[in-house]
Amino acid sequence: PSRAGTIRSFSSFGTPAGGGLRQVVGWSNSPGAVYGLHAHPYDKVLCAVDGEIAFSVGATGRPVALRPGDRLDIPAHTPHRAVVGSHGVVCLEAQVPPRLT
């Protein structure tokens, strides 16, 4: 299982165990863009395609840099923020529906 702030290399855009993709989008942002502290009601899977973005995830808020080929899983309701690197960033993002227990 993934932990908040865990980066893994990706060769395919798979999902965490037991989840199907709800939505996959590509997005980009310019250098220095800031995403303030927020959370989502779904698991988020991010894959960096180009550039760099630094996320602070969970209780520790320890920065985690995401570079091309890196994948970051952020569990639902986990607070996180991000700052885009000096060359901008391009990412693929998937939303994974909540698991039914």
N, C-alpha and C. Protein backbone atom coordinates (compact mmCIF):
# COMPACT_ATOMS: atom_id res chain seq x y z
N PRO A 1 0.82 -1.20 0.00
CA PRO A 1 0.00 0.00 0.00
C PRO A 1 0.86 1.26 0.00
N SER A 2 0.34 2.32 -0.58
CA SER A 2 1.06 3.58 -0.65
C SER A 2 0.85 4.38 0.62
N ARG A 3 1.84 5.23 0.91
CA ARG A 3 1.72 6.15 2.04
C ARG A 3 1.72 7.56 1.48
N ALA A 4 1.14 8.47 2.22
CA ALA A 4 1.14 9.86 1.78
C ALA A 4 2.56 10.32 1.56
N GLY A 5 2.80 10.95 0.43
CA GLY A 5 4.12 11.48 0.15
C GLY A 5 5.09 10.46 -0.40
N THR A 6 4.63 9.27 -0.77
CA THR A 6 5.50 8.25 -1.32
C THR A 6 5.63 8.45 -2.82
N ILE A 7 6.87 8.54 -3.29
CA ILE A 7 7.11 8.67 -4.72
C ILE A 7 7.56 7.33 -5.26
N ARG A 8 6.98 6.93 -6.39
CA ARG A 8 7.38 5.71 -7.08
C ARG A 8 7.57 6.04 -8.55
N SER A 9 8.52 5.39 -9.18
CA SER A 9 8.64 5.55 -10.62
C SER A 9 7.47 4.85 -11.27
N PHE A 10 7.06 5.34 -12.44
CA PHE A 10 5.94 4.70 -13.11
C PHE A 10 6.31 4.31 -14.53
N SER A 11 5.85 3.15 -14.94
CA SER A 11 6.00 2.75 -16.33
C SER A 11 4.62 2.64 -16.96
N SER A 12 3.61 2.50 -16.13
CA SER A 12 2.22 2.53 -16.60
C SER A 12 1.43 3.30 -15.56
N PHE A 13 0.32 3.85 -15.98
CA PHE A 13 -0.46 4.69 -15.08
C PHE A 13 -1.52 3.83 -14.41
N GLY A 14 -1.07 2.89 -13.58
CA GLY A 14 -1.98 2.02 -12.86
C GLY A 14 -2.55 2.72 -11.64
N THR A 15 -3.43 2.03 -10.94
CA THR A 15 -4.08 2.61 -9.78
C THR A 15 -3.74 1.80 -8.54
N PRO A 16 -3.91 2.39 -7.36
CA PRO A 16 -3.73 1.63 -6.13
C PRO A 16 -4.69 0.43 -6.12
N ALA A 17 -4.32 -0.59 -5.40
CA ALA A 17 -5.12 -1.82 -5.35
C ALA A 17 -6.58 -1.53 -5.02
N GLY A 18 -7.48 -2.14 -5.77
CA GLY A 18 -8.91 -2.05 -5.47
C GLY A 18 -9.60 -0.83 -6.02
N GLY A 19 -8.90 0.04 -6.73
CA GLY A 19 -9.55 1.25 -7.21
C GLY A 19 -9.54 1.36 -8.72
N GLY A 20 -10.62 1.88 -9.26
CA GLY A 20 -10.66 2.17 -10.68
C GLY A 20 -10.56 3.67 -10.86
N LEU A 21 -10.11 4.10 -12.00
CA LEU A 21 -9.97 5.54 -12.24
C LEU A 21 -11.32 6.19 -12.44
N ARG A 22 -11.53 7.32 -11.83
CA ARG A 22 -12.74 8.10 -12.07
C ARG A 22 -12.46 9.10 -13.19
N GLN A 23 -11.29 9.71 -13.16
CA GLN A 23 -10.97 10.75 -14.13
C GLN A 23 -9.45 10.84 -14.24
N VAL A 24 -8.95 11.01 -15.46
CA VAL A 24 -7.52 11.25 -15.69
C VAL A 24 -7.42 12.54 -16.49
N VAL A 25 -6.61 13.47 -16.01
CA VAL A 25 -6.42 14.74 -16.69
C VAL A 25 -4.94 15.06 -16.79
N GLY A 26 -4.58 15.81 -17.80
CA GLY A 26 -3.24 16.35 -17.90
C GLY A 26 -3.32 17.84 -17.58
N TRP A 27 -2.35 18.36 -16.88
CA TRP A 27 -2.34 19.78 -16.57
C TRP A 27 -0.90 20.29 -16.50
N SER A 28 -0.77 21.59 -16.60
CA SER A 28 0.55 22.21 -16.49
C SER A 28 0.40 23.53 -15.73
N ASN A 29 1.52 24.01 -15.24
CA ASN A 29 1.50 25.29 -14.56
C ASN A 29 2.86 25.96 -14.73
N SER A 30 2.86 27.29 -14.60
CA SER A 30 4.07 28.07 -14.82
C SER A 30 4.98 28.08 -13.59
N PRO A 31 6.23 28.45 -13.81
CA PRO A 31 7.21 28.48 -12.71
C PRO A 31 6.73 29.30 -11.52
N GLY A 32 6.95 28.75 -10.34
CA GLY A 32 6.64 29.46 -9.10
C GLY A 32 5.19 29.44 -8.68
N ALA A 33 4.31 28.83 -9.47
CA ALA A 33 2.88 28.77 -9.08
C ALA A 33 2.76 28.05 -7.73
N VAL A 34 1.82 28.50 -6.93
CA VAL A 34 1.63 27.96 -5.58
C VAL A 34 0.21 27.42 -5.43
N TYR A 35 0.10 26.20 -4.91
CA TYR A 35 -1.19 25.61 -4.54
C TYR A 35 -1.23 25.62 -3.01
N GLY A 36 -2.17 26.38 -2.45
CA GLY A 36 -2.29 26.46 -0.99
C GLY A 36 -2.76 25.15 -0.38
N LEU A 37 -2.73 25.08 0.92
CA LEU A 37 -3.13 23.87 1.65
C LEU A 37 -4.58 23.51 1.33
N HIS A 38 -4.80 22.26 0.93
CA HIS A 38 -6.15 21.77 0.61
C HIS A 38 -6.15 20.25 0.68
N ALA A 39 -7.32 19.66 0.54
CA ALA A 39 -7.48 18.20 0.52
C ALA A 39 -8.60 17.86 -0.44
N HIS A 40 -8.69 16.59 -0.83
CA HIS A 40 -9.71 16.13 -1.76
C HIS A 40 -10.47 14.95 -1.15
N PRO A 41 -11.73 14.73 -1.55
CA PRO A 41 -12.50 13.60 -1.03
C PRO A 41 -12.21 12.29 -1.77
N TYR A 42 -11.17 12.27 -2.59
CA TYR A 42 -10.78 11.09 -3.37
C TYR A 42 -9.27 10.90 -3.28
N ASP A 43 -8.81 9.67 -3.53
CA ASP A 43 -7.38 9.42 -3.64
C ASP A 43 -6.90 10.09 -4.92
N LYS A 44 -5.74 10.71 -4.86
CA LYS A 44 -5.16 11.39 -6.02
C LYS A 44 -3.86 10.68 -6.38
N VAL A 45 -3.69 10.41 -7.67
CA VAL A 45 -2.46 9.82 -8.18
C VAL A 45 -1.88 10.80 -9.19
N LEU A 46 -0.66 11.27 -8.94
CA LEU A 46 0.00 12.25 -9.80
C LEU A 46 1.24 11.64 -10.44
N CYS A 47 1.44 11.90 -11.72
CA CYS A 47 2.65 11.48 -12.42
C CYS A 47 3.23 12.70 -13.11
N ALA A 48 4.49 13.00 -12.81
CA ALA A 48 5.16 14.13 -13.46
C ALA A 48 5.63 13.72 -14.85
N VAL A 49 5.37 14.58 -15.82
CA VAL A 49 5.76 14.34 -17.20
C VAL A 49 6.96 15.23 -17.57
N ASP A 50 6.94 16.48 -17.10
CA ASP A 50 8.00 17.42 -17.41
C ASP A 50 8.10 18.44 -16.29
N GLY A 51 9.27 19.00 -16.08
CA GLY A 51 9.45 20.03 -15.05
C GLY A 51 9.52 19.43 -13.66
N GLU A 52 9.12 20.24 -12.68
CA GLU A 52 9.21 19.80 -11.28
C GLU A 52 8.16 20.53 -10.45
N ILE A 53 7.67 19.83 -9.42
CA ILE A 53 6.74 20.41 -8.45
C ILE A 53 7.06 19.80 -7.10
N ALA A 54 7.09 20.60 -6.05
CA ALA A 54 7.38 20.13 -4.70
C ALA A 54 6.10 20.14 -3.88
N PHE A 55 5.73 18.96 -3.37
CA PHE A 55 4.54 18.81 -2.54
C PHE A 55 4.93 18.70 -1.07
N SER A 56 4.14 19.30 -0.21
CA SER A 56 4.21 19.05 1.23
C SER A 56 2.93 18.30 1.55
N VAL A 57 3.07 17.08 2.05
CA VAL A 57 1.93 16.18 2.21
C VAL A 57 1.80 15.69 3.64
N GLY A 58 0.57 15.68 4.14
CA GLY A 58 0.26 15.07 5.43
C GLY A 58 0.73 15.88 6.62
N ALA A 59 0.76 15.19 7.76
CA ALA A 59 1.04 15.84 9.03
C ALA A 59 2.45 16.41 9.10
N THR A 60 3.42 15.73 8.50
CA THR A 60 4.80 16.20 8.60
C THR A 60 5.05 17.42 7.71
N GLY A 61 4.35 17.49 6.59
CA GLY A 61 4.55 18.60 5.68
C GLY A 61 5.92 18.62 5.05
N ARG A 62 6.65 17.51 5.12
CA ARG A 62 7.99 17.41 4.54
C ARG A 62 7.89 17.54 3.03
N PRO A 63 8.67 18.46 2.42
CA PRO A 63 8.60 18.62 0.96
C PRO A 63 9.07 17.37 0.21
N VAL A 64 8.35 17.04 -0.84
CA VAL A 64 8.66 15.89 -1.69
C VAL A 64 8.68 16.41 -3.13
N ALA A 65 9.84 16.35 -3.78
CA ALA A 65 9.96 16.83 -5.16
C ALA A 65 9.50 15.75 -6.13
N LEU A 66 8.67 16.15 -7.07
CA LEU A 66 8.16 15.26 -8.11
C LEU A 66 8.78 15.71 -9.43
N ARG A 67 9.54 14.79 -10.06
CA ARG A 67 10.23 15.06 -11.32
C ARG A 67 9.75 14.09 -12.39
N PRO A 68 10.08 14.32 -13.66
CA PRO A 68 9.60 13.44 -14.72
C PRO A 68 9.86 11.96 -14.41
N GLY A 69 8.79 11.16 -14.55
CA GLY A 69 8.86 9.74 -14.27
C GLY A 69 8.47 9.37 -12.85
N ASP A 70 8.26 10.36 -11.97
CA ASP A 70 7.86 10.09 -10.58
C ASP A 70 6.34 10.05 -10.46
N ARG A 71 5.88 9.25 -9.53
CA ARG A 71 4.45 9.13 -9.22
C ARG A 71 4.27 9.41 -7.73
N LEU A 72 3.22 10.15 -7.40
CA LEU A 72 2.91 10.47 -6.01
C LEU A 72 1.46 10.11 -5.74
N ASP A 73 1.21 9.28 -4.74
CA ASP A 73 -0.14 8.91 -4.32
C ASP A 73 -0.49 9.72 -3.08
N ILE A 74 -1.63 10.41 -3.13
CA ILE A 74 -2.10 11.19 -1.98
C ILE A 74 -3.47 10.65 -1.58
N PRO A 75 -3.57 10.02 -0.40
CA PRO A 75 -4.85 9.47 0.04
C PRO A 75 -5.91 10.55 0.22
N ALA A 76 -7.16 10.16 0.07
CA ALA A 76 -8.28 11.08 0.27
C ALA A 76 -8.18 11.77 1.63
N HIS A 77 -8.59 13.02 1.67
CA HIS A 77 -8.67 13.84 2.89
C HIS A 77 -7.30 14.15 3.49
N THR A 78 -6.22 13.93 2.75
CA THR A 78 -4.88 14.25 3.25
C THR A 78 -4.52 15.68 2.84
N PRO A 79 -4.27 16.55 3.81
CA PRO A 79 -3.89 17.93 3.48
C PRO A 79 -2.56 17.94 2.71
N HIS A 80 -2.49 18.78 1.69
CA HIS A 80 -1.26 18.92 0.93
C HIS A 80 -1.22 20.30 0.27
N ARG A 81 -0.02 20.74 -0.06
CA ARG A 81 0.22 21.99 -0.77
C ARG A 81 1.37 21.76 -1.73
N ALA A 82 1.57 22.67 -2.67
CA ALA A 82 2.63 22.47 -3.65
C ALA A 82 3.15 23.79 -4.21
N VAL A 83 4.40 23.75 -4.65
CA VAL A 83 5.04 24.88 -5.33
C VAL A 83 5.70 24.34 -6.59
N VAL A 84 5.40 24.96 -7.72
CA VAL A 84 5.95 24.56 -9.01
C VAL A 84 7.40 25.04 -9.12
N GLY A 85 8.26 24.19 -9.70
CA GLY A 85 9.67 24.50 -9.86
C GLY A 85 9.95 25.62 -10.86
N SER A 86 11.22 25.93 -11.03
CA SER A 86 11.66 27.08 -11.82
C SER A 86 11.45 26.94 -13.33
N HIS A 87 11.13 25.74 -13.80
CA HIS A 87 10.88 25.54 -15.24
C HIS A 87 9.44 25.15 -15.52
N GLY A 88 8.56 25.30 -14.53
CA GLY A 88 7.17 24.90 -14.70
C GLY A 88 7.01 23.40 -14.50
N VAL A 89 5.79 22.89 -14.75
CA VAL A 89 5.52 21.47 -14.56
C VAL A 89 4.39 21.04 -15.49
N VAL A 90 4.46 19.77 -15.90
CA VAL A 90 3.39 19.10 -16.63
C VAL A 90 3.15 17.78 -15.91
N CYS A 91 1.89 17.51 -15.56
CA CYS A 91 1.54 16.29 -14.83
C CYS A 91 0.33 15.59 -15.43
N LEU A 92 0.23 14.31 -15.18
CA LEU A 92 -1.00 13.56 -15.36
C LEU A 92 -1.54 13.31 -13.97
N GLU A 93 -2.85 13.44 -13.82
CA GLU A 93 -3.49 13.27 -12.51
C GLU A 93 -4.70 12.37 -12.66
N ALA A 94 -4.82 11.42 -11.75
CA ALA A 94 -5.99 10.54 -11.72
C ALA A 94 -6.69 10.69 -10.38
N GLN A 95 -8.01 10.64 -10.43
CA GLN A 95 -8.81 10.62 -9.22
C GLN A 95 -9.34 9.19 -9.06
N VAL A 96 -9.11 8.62 -7.90
CA VAL A 96 -9.53 7.26 -7.63
C VAL A 96 -10.69 7.33 -6.64
N PRO A 97 -11.84 6.73 -6.98
CA PRO A 97 -13.01 6.82 -6.09
C PRO A 97 -12.72 6.24 -4.71
N PRO A 98 -13.42 6.73 -3.71
CA PRO A 98 -13.25 6.19 -2.35
C PRO A 98 -13.56 4.69 -2.34
N ARG A 99 -12.85 4.00 -1.48
CA ARG A 99 -13.08 2.56 -1.33
C ARG A 99 -14.30 2.31 -0.45
N LEU A 100 -15.10 1.36 -0.82
CA LEU A 100 -16.24 0.98 0.01
C LEU A 100 -15.80 -0.08 0.99
N THR A 101 -16.11 0.12 2.27
CA THR A 101 -15.71 -0.87 3.28
C THR A 101 -16.90 -1.49 3.91
